[in-house]
Each structure stands twice: as C-alpha cells, then as structure tokens.
PDB file of N, CA and C in Angstrom:
ATOM      1  N   MET A   1      79.501 108.497-122.622  1.00  0.00           N
ATOM      2  CA  MET A   1      80.467 108.766-123.666  1.00  0.00           C
ATOM      3  C   MET A   1      80.261 110.177-124.208  1.00  0.00           C
ATOM      4  N   ALA A   2      81.349 110.862-124.434  1.00  0.00           N
ATOM      5  CA  ALA A   2      81.286 112.220-124.977  1.00  0.00           C
ATOM      6  C   ALA A   2      80.874 112.178-126.436  1.00  0.00           C
ATOM      7  N   LYS A   3      80.170 113.204-126.840  1.00  0.00           N
ATOM      8  CA  LYS A   3      79.734 113.339-128.227  1.00  0.00           C
ATOM      9  C   LYS A   3      80.477 114.519-128.835  1.00  0.00           C
ATOM     10  N   ILE A   4      81.074 114.301-129.982  1.00  0.00           N
ATOM     11  CA  ILE A   4      81.824 115.350-130.665  1.00  0.00           C
ATOM     12  C   ILE A   4      80.859 116.267-131.393  1.00  0.00           C
ATOM     13  N   THR A   5      81.141 117.577-131.308  1.00  0.00           N
ATOM     14  CA  THR A   5      80.352 118.576-132.015  1.00  0.00           C
ATOM     15  C   THR A   5      81.300 119.462-132.829  1.00  0.00           C
ATOM     16  N   LYS A   6      80.732 120.179-133.787  1.00  0.00           N
ATOM     17  CA  LYS A   6      81.535 121.035-134.670  1.00  0.00           C
ATOM     18  C   LYS A   6      82.229 122.164-133.927  1.00  0.00           C
ATOM     19  N   ASP A   7      81.667 122.591-132.806  1.00  0.00           N
ATOM     20  CA  ASP A   7      82.248 123.731-132.096  1.00  0.00           C
ATOM     21  C   ASP A   7      83.359 123.343-131.127  1.00  0.00           C
ATOM     22  N   MET A   8      83.650 122.050-131.017  1.00  0.00           N
ATOM     23  CA  MET A   8      84.744 121.616-130.143  1.00  0.00           C
ATOM     24  C   MET A   8      86.080 122.007-130.760  1.00  0.00           C
ATOM     25  N   LEU A   9      87.014 122.363-129.911  1.00  0.00           N
ATOM     26  CA  LEU A   9      88.350 122.735-130.366  1.00  0.00           C
ATOM     27  C   LEU A   9      89.160 121.479-130.686  1.00  0.00           C
ATOM     28  N   ILE A  10      90.075 121.605-131.643  1.00  0.00           N
ATOM     29  CA  ILE A  10      90.936 120.477-132.002  1.00  0.00           C
ATOM     30  C   ILE A  10      91.674 119.977-130.758  1.00  0.00           C
ATOM     31  N   GLY A  11      92.147 120.897-129.937  1.00  0.00           N
ATOM     32  CA  GLY A  11      92.824 120.513-128.696  1.00  0.00           C
ATOM     33  C   GLY A  11      91.935 119.690-127.785  1.00  0.00           C
ATOM     34  N   GLN A  12      90.652 120.037-127.693  1.00  0.00           N
ATOM     35  CA  GLN A  12      89.704 119.274-126.874  1.00  0.00           C
ATOM     36  C   GLN A  12      89.533 117.863-127.420  1.00  0.00           C
ATOM     37  N   LEU A  13      89.457 117.760-128.737  1.00  0.00           N
ATOM     38  CA  LEU A  13      89.281 116.441-129.364  1.00  0.00           C
ATOM     39  C   LEU A  13      90.454 115.530-129.045  1.00  0.00           C
ATOM     40  N   LEU A  14      91.656 116.088-129.127  1.00  0.00           N
ATOM     41  CA  LEU A  14      92.849 115.280-128.878  1.00  0.00           C
ATOM     42  C   LEU A  14      92.981 114.904-127.407  1.00  0.00           C
ATOM     43  N   GLN A  15      92.475 115.755-126.523  1.00  0.00           N
ATOM     44  CA  GLN A  15      92.466 115.411-125.095  1.00  0.00           C
ATOM     45  C   GLN A  15      91.413 114.345-124.817  1.00  0.00           C
ATOM     46  N   LEU A  16      90.294 114.448-125.506  1.00  0.00           N
ATOM     47  CA  LEU A  16      89.213 113.477-125.340  1.00  0.00           C
ATOM     48  C   LEU A  16      89.698 112.076-125.698  1.00  0.00           C
ATOM     49  N   ASN A  17      90.399 111.987-126.840  1.00  0.00           N
ATOM     50  CA  ASN A  17      90.911 110.700-127.273  1.00  0.00           C
ATOM     51  C   ASN A  17      92.065 110.941-128.253  1.00  0.00           C
ATOM     52  N   PRO A  18      93.292 110.686-127.841  1.00  0.00           N
ATOM     53  CA  PRO A  18      94.450 110.917-128.717  1.00  0.00           C
ATOM     54  C   PRO A  18      94.389 110.116-130.018  1.00  0.00           C
ATOM     55  N   ASN A  19      93.617 109.035-130.034  1.00  0.00           N
ATOM     56  CA  ASN A  19      93.497 108.226-131.243  1.00  0.00           C
ATOM     57  C   ASN A  19      92.697 108.920-132.342  1.00  0.00           C
ATOM     58  N   ILE A  20      92.166 110.098-132.044  1.00  0.00           N
ATOM     59  CA  ILE A  20      91.478 110.893-133.054  1.00  0.00           C
ATOM     60  C   ILE A  20      92.496 111.518-134.015  1.00  0.00           C
ATOM     61  N   ALA A  21      93.715 111.741-133.546  1.00  0.00           N
ATOM     62  CA  ALA A  21      94.757 112.381-134.372  1.00  0.00           C
ATOM     63  C   ALA A  21      94.973 111.673-135.707  1.00  0.00           C
ATOM     64  N   PRO A  22      95.136 110.337-135.729  1.00  0.00           N
ATOM     65  CA  PRO A  22      95.341 109.683-137.022  1.00  0.00           C
ATOM     66  C   PRO A  22      94.147 109.841-137.974  1.00  0.00           C
ATOM     67  N   ILE A  23      92.964 109.927-137.424  1.00  0.00           N
ATOM     68  CA  ILE A  23      91.771 110.111-138.262  1.00  0.00           C
ATOM     69  C   ILE A  23      91.810 111.489-138.909  1.00  0.00           C
ATOM     70  N   LEU A  24      92.125 112.498-138.110  1.00  0.00           N
ATOM     71  CA  LEU A  24      92.215 113.851-138.656  1.00  0.00           C
ATOM     72  C   LEU A  24      93.328 113.928-139.697  1.00  0.00           C
ATOM     73  N   MET A  25      94.442 113.279-139.431  1.00  0.00           N
ATOM     74  CA  MET A  25      95.549 113.268-140.389  1.00  0.00           C
ATOM     75  C   MET A  25      95.127 112.597-141.699  1.00  0.00           C
ATOM     76  N   ARG A  26      94.433 111.488-141.581  1.00  0.00           N
ATOM     77  CA  ARG A  26      93.962 110.762-142.757  1.00  0.00           C
ATOM     78  C   ARG A  26      92.992 111.607-143.584  1.00  0.00           C
ATOM     79  N   GLU A  27      92.260 112.485-142.896  1.00  0.00           N
ATOM     80  CA  GLU A  27      91.301 113.361-143.576  1.00  0.00           C
ATOM     81  C   GLU A  27      91.981 114.575-144.201  1.00  0.00           C
ATOM     82  N   GLY A  28      93.295 114.734-143.983  1.00  0.00           N
ATOM     83  CA  GLY A  28      94.029 115.826-144.604  1.00  0.00           C
ATOM     84  C   GLY A  28      94.407 116.954-143.665  1.00  0.00           C
ATOM     85  N   MET A  29      94.101 116.807-142.379  1.00  0.00           N
ATOM     86  CA  MET A  29      94.461 117.834-141.400  1.00  0.00           C
ATOM     87  C   MET A  29      95.841 117.528-140.831  1.00  0.00           C
ATOM     88  N   HIS A  30      96.865 117.818-141.620  1.00  0.00           N
ATOM     89  CA  HIS A  30      98.227 117.507-141.213  1.00  0.00           C
ATOM     90  C   HIS A  30      98.806 118.543-140.266  1.00  0.00           C
ATOM     91  N   CYS A  31      98.062 119.571-139.973  1.00  0.00           N
ATOM     92  CA  CYS A  31      98.566 120.646-139.114  1.00  0.00           C
ATOM     93  C   CYS A  31      98.086 120.502-137.665  1.00  0.00           C
ATOM     94  N   ILE A  32      97.564 119.351-137.275  1.00  0.00           N
ATOM     95  CA  ILE A  32      97.007 119.234-135.929  1.00  0.00           C
ATOM     96  C   ILE A  32      98.048 119.390-134.835  1.00  0.00           C
ATOM     97  N   GLY A  33      99.304 119.225-135.165  1.00  0.00           N
ATOM     98  CA  GLY A  33     100.362 119.417-134.175  1.00  0.00           C
ATOM     99  C   GLY A  33     100.752 120.871-133.990  1.00  0.00           C
ATOM    100  N   CYS A  34     100.279 121.725-134.878  1.00  0.00           N
ATOM    101  CA  CYS A  34     100.589 123.151-134.803  1.00  0.00           C
ATOM    102  C   CYS A  34      99.893 123.757-133.586  1.00  0.00           C
ATOM    103  N   PRO A  35     100.598 124.538-132.779  1.00  0.00           N
ATOM    104  CA  PRO A  35      99.980 125.114-131.577  1.00  0.00           C
ATOM    105  C   PRO A  35      98.704 125.912-131.849  1.00  0.00           C
ATOM    106  N   SER A  36      98.664 126.645-132.953  1.00  0.00           N
ATOM    107  CA  SER A  36      97.469 127.454-133.221  1.00  0.00           C
ATOM    108  C   SER A  36      96.263 126.592-133.564  1.00  0.00           C
ATOM    109  N   SER A  37      96.482 125.401-134.122  1.00  0.00           N
ATOM    110  CA  SER A  37      95.340 124.546-134.465  1.00  0.00           C
ATOM    111  C   SER A  37      94.638 124.027-133.222  1.00  0.00           C
ATOM    112  N   GLN A  38      95.327 124.003-132.104  1.00  0.00           N
ATOM    113  CA  GLN A  38      94.735 123.510-130.865  1.00  0.00           C
ATOM    114  C   GLN A  38      93.567 124.387-130.401  1.00  0.00           C
ATOM    115  N   MET A  39      93.569 125.642-130.847  1.00  0.00           N
ATOM    116  CA  MET A  39      92.514 126.577-130.446  1.00  0.00           C
ATOM    117  C   MET A  39      91.506 126.826-131.570  1.00  0.00           C
ATOM    118  N   GLU A  40      91.542 125.989-132.595  1.00  0.00           N
ATOM    119  CA  GLU A  40      90.645 126.115-133.729  1.00  0.00           C
ATOM    120  C   GLU A  40      89.516 125.101-133.563  1.00  0.00           C
ATOM    121  N   SER A  41      88.294 125.502-133.891  1.00  0.00           N
ATOM    122  CA  SER A  41      87.182 124.561-133.790  1.00  0.00           C
ATOM    123  C   SER A  41      87.252 123.550-134.928  1.00  0.00           C
ATOM    124  N   LEU A  42      86.596 122.435-134.735  1.00  0.00           N
ATOM    125  CA  LEU A  42      86.546 121.417-135.771  1.00  0.00           C
ATOM    126  C   LEU A  42      85.887 121.981-137.031  1.00  0.00           C
ATOM    127  N   GLU A  43      84.869 122.797-136.851  1.00  0.00           N
ATOM    128  CA  GLU A  43      84.192 123.406-137.989  1.00  0.00           C
ATOM    129  C   GLU A  43      85.123 124.346-138.751  1.00  0.00           C
ATOM    130  N   GLU A  44      85.891 125.160-138.023  1.00  0.00           N
ATOM    131  CA  GLU A  44      86.842 126.070-138.669  1.00  0.00           C
ATOM    132  C   GLU A  44      87.918 125.291-139.417  1.00  0.00           C
ATOM    133  N   ALA A  45      88.436 124.246-138.790  1.00  0.00           N
ATOM    134  CA  ALA A  45      89.481 123.437-139.427  1.00  0.00           C
ATOM    135  C   ALA A  45      88.936 122.752-140.677  1.00  0.00           C
ATOM    136  N   ALA A  46      87.723 122.253-140.599  1.00  0.00           N
ATOM    137  CA  ALA A  46      87.107 121.602-141.760  1.00  0.00           C
ATOM    138  C   ALA A  46      86.953 122.597-142.903  1.00  0.00           C
ATOM    139  N   MET A  47      86.507 123.803-142.585  1.00  0.00           N
ATOM    140  CA  MET A  47      86.312 124.821-143.611  1.00  0.00           C
ATOM    141  C   MET A  47      87.642 125.158-144.293  1.00  0.00           C
ATOM    142  N   VAL A  48      88.693 125.350-143.496  1.00  0.00           N
ATOM    143  CA  VAL A  48      90.014 125.686-144.040  1.00  0.00           C
ATOM    144  C   VAL A  48      90.515 124.578-144.969  1.00  0.00           C
ATOM    145  N   HIS A  49      90.180 123.328-144.649  1.00  0.00           N
ATOM    146  CA  HIS A  49      90.661 122.191-145.430  1.00  0.00           C
ATOM    147  C   HIS A  49      89.649 121.716-146.477  1.00  0.00           C
ATOM    148  N   GLY A  50      88.576 122.480-146.673  1.00  0.00           N
ATOM    149  CA  GLY A  50      87.595 122.150-147.706  1.00  0.00           C
ATOM    150  C   GLY A  50      86.807 120.887-147.432  1.00  0.00           C
ATOM    151  N   MET A  51      86.526 120.638-146.167  1.00  0.00           N
ATOM    152  CA  MET A  51      85.783 119.433-145.776  1.00  0.00           C
ATOM    153  C   MET A  51      84.395 119.807-145.280  1.00  0.00           C
ATOM    154  N   ASP A  52      83.507 118.846-145.315  1.00  0.00           N
ATOM    155  CA  ASP A  52      82.174 119.002-144.743  1.00  0.00           C
ATOM    156  C   ASP A  52      82.280 118.670-143.253  1.00  0.00           C
ATOM    157  N   ALA A  53      82.069 119.650-142.412  1.00  0.00           N
ATOM    158  CA  ALA A  53      82.221 119.457-140.957  1.00  0.00           C
ATOM    159  C   ALA A  53      81.254 118.412-140.422  1.00  0.00           C
ATOM    160  N   ASP A  54      80.045 118.354-140.981  1.00  0.00           N
ATOM    161  CA  ASP A  54      79.059 117.381-140.501  1.00  0.00           C
ATOM    162  C   ASP A  54      79.506 115.949-140.785  1.00  0.00           C
ATOM    163  N   VAL A  55      80.107 115.741-141.942  1.00  0.00           N
ATOM    164  CA  VAL A  55      80.617 114.410-142.295  1.00  0.00           C
ATOM    165  C   VAL A  55      81.760 114.031-141.367  1.00  0.00           C
ATOM    166  N   LEU A  56      82.641 114.974-141.103  1.00  0.00           N
ATOM    167  CA  LEU A  56      83.769 114.723-140.217  1.00  0.00           C
ATOM    168  C   LEU A  56      83.304 114.416-138.794  1.00  0.00           C
ATOM    169  N   VAL A  57      82.336 115.167-138.302  1.00  0.00           N
ATOM    170  CA  VAL A  57      81.772 114.919-136.964  1.00  0.00           C
ATOM    171  C   VAL A  57      81.184 113.510-136.906  1.00  0.00           C
ATOM    172  N   ALA A  58      80.444 113.128-137.937  1.00  0.00           N
ATOM    173  CA  ALA A  58      79.840 111.792-137.964  1.00  0.00           C
ATOM    174  C   ALA A  58      80.919 110.713-137.943  1.00  0.00           C
ATOM    175  N   ARG A  59      81.988 110.891-138.709  1.00  0.00           N
ATOM    176  CA  ARG A  59      83.077 109.901-138.727  1.00  0.00           C
ATOM    177  C   ARG A  59      83.741 109.776-137.368  1.00  0.00           C
ATOM    178  N   LEU A  60      83.989 110.906-136.733  1.00  0.00           N
ATOM    179  CA  LEU A  60      84.644 110.883-135.426  1.00  0.00           C
ATOM    180  C   LEU A  60      83.746 110.261-134.362  1.00  0.00           C
ATOM    181  N   ASN A  61      82.465 110.584-134.393  1.00  0.00           N
ATOM    182  CA  ASN A  61      81.544 109.983-133.426  1.00  0.00           C
ATOM    183  C   ASN A  61      81.381 108.489-133.665  1.00  0.00           C
ATOM    184  N   ASN A  62      81.378 108.062-134.922  1.00  0.00           N
ATOM    185  CA  ASN A  62      81.326 106.623-135.221  1.00  0.00           C
ATOM    186  C   ASN A  62      82.563 105.926-134.676  1.00  0.00           C
ATOM    187  N   PHE A  63      83.717 106.560-134.811  1.00  0.00           N
ATOM    188  CA  PHE A  63      84.951 106.008-134.262  1.00  0.00           C
ATOM    189  C   PHE A  63      84.844 105.827-132.749  1.00  0.00           C
ATOM    190  N   LEU A  64      84.373 106.877-132.062  1.00  0.00           N
ATOM    191  CA  LEU A  64      84.265 106.796-130.600  1.00  0.00           C
ATOM    192  C   LEU A  64      83.274 105.723-130.165  1.00  0.00           C
ATOM    193  N   GLU A  65      82.190 105.586-130.901  1.00  0.00           N
ATOM    194  CA  GLU A  65      81.192 104.569-130.561  1.00  0.00           C
ATOM    195  C   GLU A  65      81.748 103.168-130.741  1.00  0.00           C
ATOM    196  N   ALA A  66      82.562 102.981-131.770  1.00  0.00           N
ATOM    197  CA  ALA A  66      83.118 101.653-132.064  1.00  0.00           C
ATOM    198  C   ALA A  66      84.258 101.271-131.119  1.00  0.00           C
ATOM    199  N   GLU A  67      84.881 102.282-130.532  1.00  0.00           N
ATOM    200  CA  GLU A  67      86.048 102.008-129.694  1.00  0.00           C
ATOM    201  C   GLU A  67      85.700 101.449-128.355  1.00  0.00           C
TER     202      GLU A  67
END
C-alpha cells in the first residue's frame, strides 16, 4: 500500500485514490479541481489553507489503511 507524504502532489493523491477528493474537500480544499492545484504539494496546499500538513497526512493515511 502506498503511503502519503507531504511532498506528494495533489494530482498524485487523486490518481492514487480518487476517494481522497471528498476528504480534501471536507478539510476545506475546495480548489482541488483547479488545474494549478494538481501540481501543488500537499504541504503547500495545507499551508495556503491554514492547515497542519502532518495532521492532514495522518488523516489521509488512516483513510487508506481503513479502505
């Protein structure tokens, strides 16, 4: 199973598992459909949205483990 890291691009995350999109949306990242966000790292996106990237990574990895 792949492990999500802060340096992964949003586009990579969505390719890894499209079901990650609703989680990011729920966390306030409503711009994930924007073409430029596809080339932004998870850490960069978290910073722009005032989130703790480590917490977000943990949530996403917990999701993947449970799925």
